[in-house]
N, C-alpha and C. Protein backbone atom coordinates (compact mmCIF):
# COMPACT_ATOMS: atom_id res chain seq x y z
N MET A 1 23.63 -3.33 -3.98
CA MET A 1 23.02 -5.22 -4.68
C MET A 1 22.21 -5.75 -3.46
N ALA A 2 20.85 -5.56 -3.84
CA ALA A 2 19.86 -6.60 -3.13
C ALA A 2 20.33 -8.27 -3.26
N ILE A 3 20.96 -8.36 -2.07
CA ILE A 3 20.38 -10.28 -2.10
C ILE A 3 19.22 -10.55 -2.69
N MET A 4 19.23 -12.12 -2.41
CA MET A 4 17.97 -12.67 -3.75
C MET A 4 17.47 -13.88 -2.89
N LYS A 5 17.05 -14.63 -2.26
CA LYS A 5 16.68 -15.60 -1.61
C LYS A 5 15.46 -16.28 -2.62
N ARG A 6 15.50 -17.71 -2.72
CA ARG A 6 14.43 -18.10 -3.54
C ARG A 6 13.60 -19.36 -2.40
N ALA A 7 12.04 -19.45 -2.36
CA ALA A 7 11.46 -20.34 -1.70
C ALA A 7 10.72 -20.72 -2.25
N ARG A 8 10.09 -22.10 -1.82
CA ARG A 8 9.13 -22.22 -2.22
C ARG A 8 7.66 -21.82 -1.98
N VAL A 9 6.90 -21.92 -2.52
CA VAL A 9 5.15 -21.65 -1.88
C VAL A 9 5.03 -22.11 -0.53
N SER A 10 5.16 -23.23 -0.27
CA SER A 10 4.91 -23.89 1.21
C SER A 10 5.77 -22.99 2.28
N GLN A 11 7.60 -22.60 1.72
CA GLN A 11 8.04 -22.38 2.73
C GLN A 11 7.22 -21.01 2.81
N ALA A 12 7.38 -20.21 1.85
CA ALA A 12 6.73 -18.32 1.96
C ALA A 12 5.05 -19.66 3.55
N LYS A 13 4.32 -19.70 3.20
CA LYS A 13 3.37 -19.79 4.09
C LYS A 13 3.76 -19.80 4.97
N ASN A 14 4.34 -20.66 5.42
CA ASN A 14 5.18 -21.32 7.28
C ASN A 14 5.93 -20.61 7.49
N GLY A 15 6.91 -19.79 6.60
CA GLY A 15 7.42 -19.14 7.42
C GLY A 15 7.61 -17.12 5.82
N LEU A 16 6.16 -17.21 6.55
CA LEU A 16 5.87 -15.48 5.89
C LEU A 16 6.74 -14.67 6.57
N SER A 17 6.60 -14.11 8.46
CA SER A 17 7.61 -13.84 8.87
C SER A 17 8.48 -13.14 8.87
N ALA A 18 9.93 -14.76 9.07
CA ALA A 18 10.51 -14.63 8.05
C ALA A 18 10.88 -14.35 7.00
N LEU A 19 10.34 -14.42 6.13
CA LEU A 19 10.46 -13.51 4.90
C LEU A 19 10.84 -12.33 4.83
N LEU A 20 9.47 -11.81 5.44
CA LEU A 20 8.98 -10.49 5.41
C LEU A 20 10.62 -10.18 6.20
N ASP A 21 11.11 -10.00 7.07
CA ASP A 21 12.05 -9.83 7.63
C ASP A 21 13.17 -9.54 6.50
N ARG A 22 13.12 -10.95 6.42
CA ARG A 22 14.80 -10.12 4.74
C ARG A 22 14.21 -9.53 4.43
N VAL A 23 13.28 -9.13 3.74
CA VAL A 23 12.44 -7.73 3.37
C VAL A 23 12.28 -6.33 3.79
N ARG A 24 12.15 -6.40 5.36
CA ARG A 24 12.14 -5.46 6.08
C ARG A 24 14.78 -5.28 5.82
N HIS A 25 14.59 -6.11 5.19
CA HIS A 25 16.27 -5.36 6.03
C HIS A 25 16.87 -5.63 4.52
N GLY A 26 16.15 -5.73 3.12
CA GLY A 26 16.81 -4.71 2.69
C GLY A 26 16.97 -6.20 0.37
N HIS A 27 16.53 -7.38 1.18
CA HIS A 27 17.15 -8.91 0.93
C HIS A 27 15.04 -8.66 -0.55
N THR A 28 15.80 -9.32 -1.32
CA THR A 28 14.59 -9.79 -2.42
C THR A 28 14.17 -10.97 -1.92
N VAL A 29 13.09 -11.86 -2.08
CA VAL A 29 12.95 -13.11 -1.42
C VAL A 29 11.83 -13.62 -3.15
N ILE A 30 12.42 -14.19 -4.12
CA ILE A 30 11.65 -14.37 -5.43
C ILE A 30 10.72 -15.99 -5.28
N ILE A 31 9.50 -16.50 -5.25
CA ILE A 31 8.27 -17.61 -4.35
C ILE A 31 8.53 -18.16 -5.70
N GLU A 32 8.60 -19.15 -5.44
CA GLU A 32 8.02 -20.07 -6.50
C GLU A 32 7.38 -21.63 -5.79
N ASP A 33 6.87 -21.70 -7.77
CA ASP A 33 5.47 -22.60 -7.34
C ASP A 33 5.99 -24.49 -8.40
N ARG A 34 6.80 -25.13 -7.81
CA ARG A 34 7.53 -26.59 -7.87
C ARG A 34 8.12 -25.33 -9.41
N GLY A 35 8.82 -24.90 -8.43
CA GLY A 35 11.32 -24.58 -9.66
C GLY A 35 10.32 -23.80 -10.54
N VAL A 36 9.37 -22.60 -10.39
CA VAL A 36 8.82 -22.00 -11.46
C VAL A 36 8.45 -20.37 -11.10
N PRO A 37 9.61 -19.69 -10.63
CA PRO A 37 8.76 -18.05 -9.80
C PRO A 37 7.55 -17.42 -10.68
N ILE A 38 7.04 -17.03 -9.76
CA ILE A 38 5.70 -16.80 -9.31
C ILE A 38 5.42 -15.88 -9.32
N ALA A 39 5.94 -15.57 -8.00
CA ALA A 39 5.96 -13.38 -7.12
C ALA A 39 7.37 -13.29 -6.59
N ARG A 40 7.25 -12.31 -6.49
CA ARG A 40 8.04 -11.19 -6.17
C ARG A 40 8.82 -10.53 -5.09
N LEU A 41 8.96 -11.21 -3.36
CA LEU A 41 8.73 -9.65 -2.65
C LEU A 41 10.50 -9.22 -2.43
N GLU A 42 9.81 -7.70 -2.31
CA GLU A 42 11.10 -6.66 -2.32
C GLU A 42 10.89 -5.70 -1.87
N PRO A 43 11.65 -4.71 -0.96
CA PRO A 43 11.19 -3.63 -0.36
C PRO A 43 11.03 -3.41 -1.33
N ILE A 44 9.80 -1.91 -0.60
CA ILE A 44 9.28 -0.97 -0.88
C ILE A 44 10.02 0.37 -2.24
N ILE A 45 10.44 0.94 -0.77
CA ILE A 45 11.52 1.75 -0.68
C ILE A 45 13.64 0.75 -1.32
N GLY A 46 13.89 0.38 -2.32
CA GLY A 46 14.55 -0.22 -3.27
C GLY A 46 15.83 0.83 -3.15
N SER A 47 17.14 -0.12 -2.78
CA SER A 47 18.28 1.21 -2.77
C SER A 47 18.67 2.39 -3.40
N GLY A 48 17.85 2.24 -5.10
CA GLY A 48 17.97 3.47 -6.37
C GLY A 48 16.65 4.05 -5.94
N ASP A 49 15.52 3.63 -5.16
CA ASP A 49 14.29 4.57 -4.78
C ASP A 49 15.05 5.96 -3.04
N SER A 50 15.55 7.26 -3.16
CA SER A 50 15.41 7.58 -2.44
C SER A 50 14.10 8.04 -1.14
N GLU A 51 13.76 8.94 -2.49
CA GLU A 51 12.70 9.35 -2.26
C GLU A 51 11.18 8.42 -2.17
N GLY A 52 10.63 6.85 -1.95
CA GLY A 52 10.07 6.50 -1.82
C GLY A 52 9.19 6.65 -2.35
N GLY A 53 8.35 4.92 -2.58
CA GLY A 53 7.09 4.66 -3.79
C GLY A 53 5.60 6.36 -3.64
N GLY A 54 5.35 6.46 -2.27
CA GLY A 54 4.74 7.71 -2.45
C GLY A 54 4.83 9.04 -3.67
N ALA A 55 6.48 9.85 -3.69
CA ALA A 55 6.50 9.88 -4.85
C ALA A 55 6.73 9.88 -6.24
N ARG A 56 6.74 8.81 -6.43
CA ARG A 56 6.27 7.94 -7.92
C ARG A 56 5.31 8.11 -8.21
N LEU A 57 4.99 7.91 -7.74
CA LEU A 57 2.71 7.59 -7.39
C LEU A 57 2.63 9.58 -7.70
N GLN A 58 3.20 10.41 -6.53
CA GLN A 58 2.65 11.56 -7.76
C GLN A 58 3.22 11.69 -8.40
N ARG A 59 4.43 11.49 -8.91
CA ARG A 59 4.53 11.48 -10.28
C ARG A 59 3.65 11.20 -11.97
N GLN A 60 3.74 9.87 -11.19
CA GLN A 60 2.35 9.35 -12.50
C GLN A 60 1.20 9.94 -12.33
N GLY A 61 0.56 10.38 -12.13
CA GLY A 61 -0.19 11.22 -11.93
C GLY A 61 -1.54 10.16 -10.64
N LEU A 62 -0.99 9.40 -10.19
CA LEU A 62 -1.91 8.43 -9.20
C LEU A 62 -2.23 8.96 -7.84
N VAL A 63 -1.63 9.26 -7.55
CA VAL A 63 -2.19 10.25 -5.84
C VAL A 63 -1.81 11.60 -6.36
N ARG A 64 -2.25 12.23 -5.15
CA ARG A 64 -1.03 13.54 -4.62
C ARG A 64 -1.47 13.86 -4.01
N PRO A 65 -0.31 15.22 -3.43
CA PRO A 65 -0.62 15.23 -2.25
C PRO A 65 -0.85 15.25 -1.16
N PRO A 66 -1.67 15.69 0.14
CA PRO A 66 -2.80 16.23 1.53
C PRO A 66 -2.71 17.57 0.83
N ALA A 67 -3.61 18.45 0.88
CA ALA A 67 -3.52 20.26 0.51
C ALA A 67 -3.29 20.67 1.63
N LYS A 68 -3.64 19.97 3.31
CA LYS A 68 -2.76 20.53 4.27
C LYS A 68 -2.46 19.27 5.60
N ALA A 69 -2.14 19.61 6.20
CA ALA A 69 -1.43 18.08 7.17
C ALA A 69 -3.13 18.24 8.23
N LEU A 70 -3.01 16.70 8.82
CA LEU A 70 -5.17 16.33 9.27
C LEU A 70 -4.14 17.25 10.77
N ALA A 71 -5.37 17.77 11.74
CA ALA A 71 -5.01 18.31 13.12
C ALA A 71 -4.86 16.84 13.83
N ASP A 72 -4.17 17.29 14.73
CA ASP A 72 -3.83 16.25 16.26
C ASP A 72 -4.81 15.62 16.47
N THR A 73 -6.32 16.55 16.79
CA THR A 73 -7.51 15.89 17.36
C THR A 73 -8.50 14.97 15.42
N TRP A 74 -8.08 14.66 14.87
CA TRP A 74 -8.82 14.09 14.14
C TRP A 74 -9.19 12.63 14.23
N LEU A 75 -8.12 11.61 14.73
CA LEU A 75 -8.67 10.57 14.81
C LEU A 75 -10.10 9.78 16.30
N GLU A 76 -9.28 10.93 16.62
CA GLU A 76 -10.12 11.16 17.81
C GLU A 76 -12.23 11.82 17.71
N ARG A 77 -12.21 12.07 16.74
CA ARG A 77 -13.81 12.92 15.96
C ARG A 77 -14.34 11.10 15.96
N ARG A 78 -15.40 11.70 15.71
CA ARG A 78 -16.39 10.68 15.26
C ARG A 78 -16.13 10.41 14.07
N PRO A 79 -16.90 10.24 13.07
CA PRO A 79 -17.05 9.42 11.52
C PRO A 79 -18.91 10.64 11.31
N PRO A 80 -18.85 10.83 10.67
CA PRO A 80 -19.72 11.86 10.02
C PRO A 80 -21.11 10.72 10.14
N ARG A 81 -22.25 11.13 10.44
CA ARG A 81 -23.38 10.49 10.36
C ARG A 81 -24.40 10.17 9.16
N LEU A 82 -24.19 9.16 8.61
CA LEU A 82 -25.49 9.27 6.99
C LEU A 82 -26.75 9.38 7.16
N LEU A 83 -26.83 9.78 6.64
CA LEU A 83 -28.39 10.62 6.19
C LEU A 83 -29.27 8.95 6.40
N LYS A 84 -30.26 9.11 6.48
CA LYS A 84 -31.64 7.66 6.25
C LYS A 84 -31.94 8.02 4.97
N GLY A 85 -31.05 6.27 4.29
CA GLY A 85 -31.93 6.30 2.93
C GLY A 85 -30.71 6.38 2.23
N ARG A 86 -29.50 7.22 2.86
CA ARG A 86 -29.18 7.50 1.74
C ARG A 86 -27.38 6.47 1.71
N ARG A 87 -26.50 6.60 0.55
CA ARG A 87 -26.03 5.73 1.07
C ARG A 87 -24.62 6.28 0.91
N ALA A 88 -23.07 5.87 1.64
CA ALA A 88 -21.85 7.30 1.27
C ALA A 88 -21.34 6.45 -0.11
N SER A 89 -21.96 5.66 -1.00
CA SER A 89 -21.01 6.22 -1.88
C SER A 89 -21.83 7.12 -2.90
N GLU A 90 -22.80 6.91 -2.72
CA GLU A 90 -23.81 7.78 -3.31
C GLU A 90 -23.64 9.42 -3.10
N ILE A 91 -23.42 9.76 -2.00
CA ILE A 91 -22.92 11.29 -1.49
C ILE A 91 -21.55 11.26 -2.28
N VAL A 92 -20.38 10.44 -2.14
CA VAL A 92 -19.23 10.21 -2.22
C VAL A 92 -18.79 11.21 -3.82
N LEU A 93 -20.14 10.17 -4.87
CA LEU A 93 -20.13 10.25 -6.75
C LEU A 93 -21.12 11.38 -6.46
N ALA A 94 -21.63 12.04 -5.79
CA ALA A 94 -22.09 14.15 -5.96
C ALA A 94 -21.17 14.60 -5.66
N GLU A 95 -21.13 14.20 -3.91
CA GLU A 95 -19.19 15.46 -3.89
C GLU A 95 -18.50 15.60 -5.13
N ARG A 96 -17.90 14.75 -5.59
CA ARG A 96 -17.14 14.72 -6.98
C ARG A 96 -17.25 14.84 -8.00
N ARG A 97 -18.66 14.85 -8.35
CA ARG A 97 -19.83 15.76 -9.60
C ARG A 97 -19.74 17.60 -8.78
N GLY A 98 -19.47 17.58 -7.76
CA GLY A 98 -20.29 18.84 -7.38
C GLY A 98 -21.09 19.46 -6.63
N GLY A 99 -22.04 18.46 -6.53
CA GLY A 99 -23.14 18.57 -6.53
C GLY A 99 -23.86 18.58 -5.11
N PRO A 100 -24.78 18.64 -4.88
CA PRO A 100 -24.60 18.76 -3.62
C PRO A 100 -25.12 17.39 -2.76
N LYS A 101 -24.89 17.30 -1.57
CA LYS A 101 -24.05 16.08 -0.64
C LYS A 101 -25.58 15.23 -0.20
């Protein structure tokens, strides 16, 4: 069972790093505004969720697992250049429709 701490908004603003450290160690923090709970900080992987949030999102159909692993050099590549007069959003939408890039 996770230990729960309560913090006022001013305490959360001034001591966010300390609160996040508590969350990393399995604690839950309730943020209150004038004594009224308004938010809850809790670990992404709780004690009852051993598989993590990614598997839960996959089951819900919100994300898909990668088709293949990224190459080790992927981050070293230069990003693709856009064609003059084309916006990235237009290219992505066309690709999703299955049309030309």
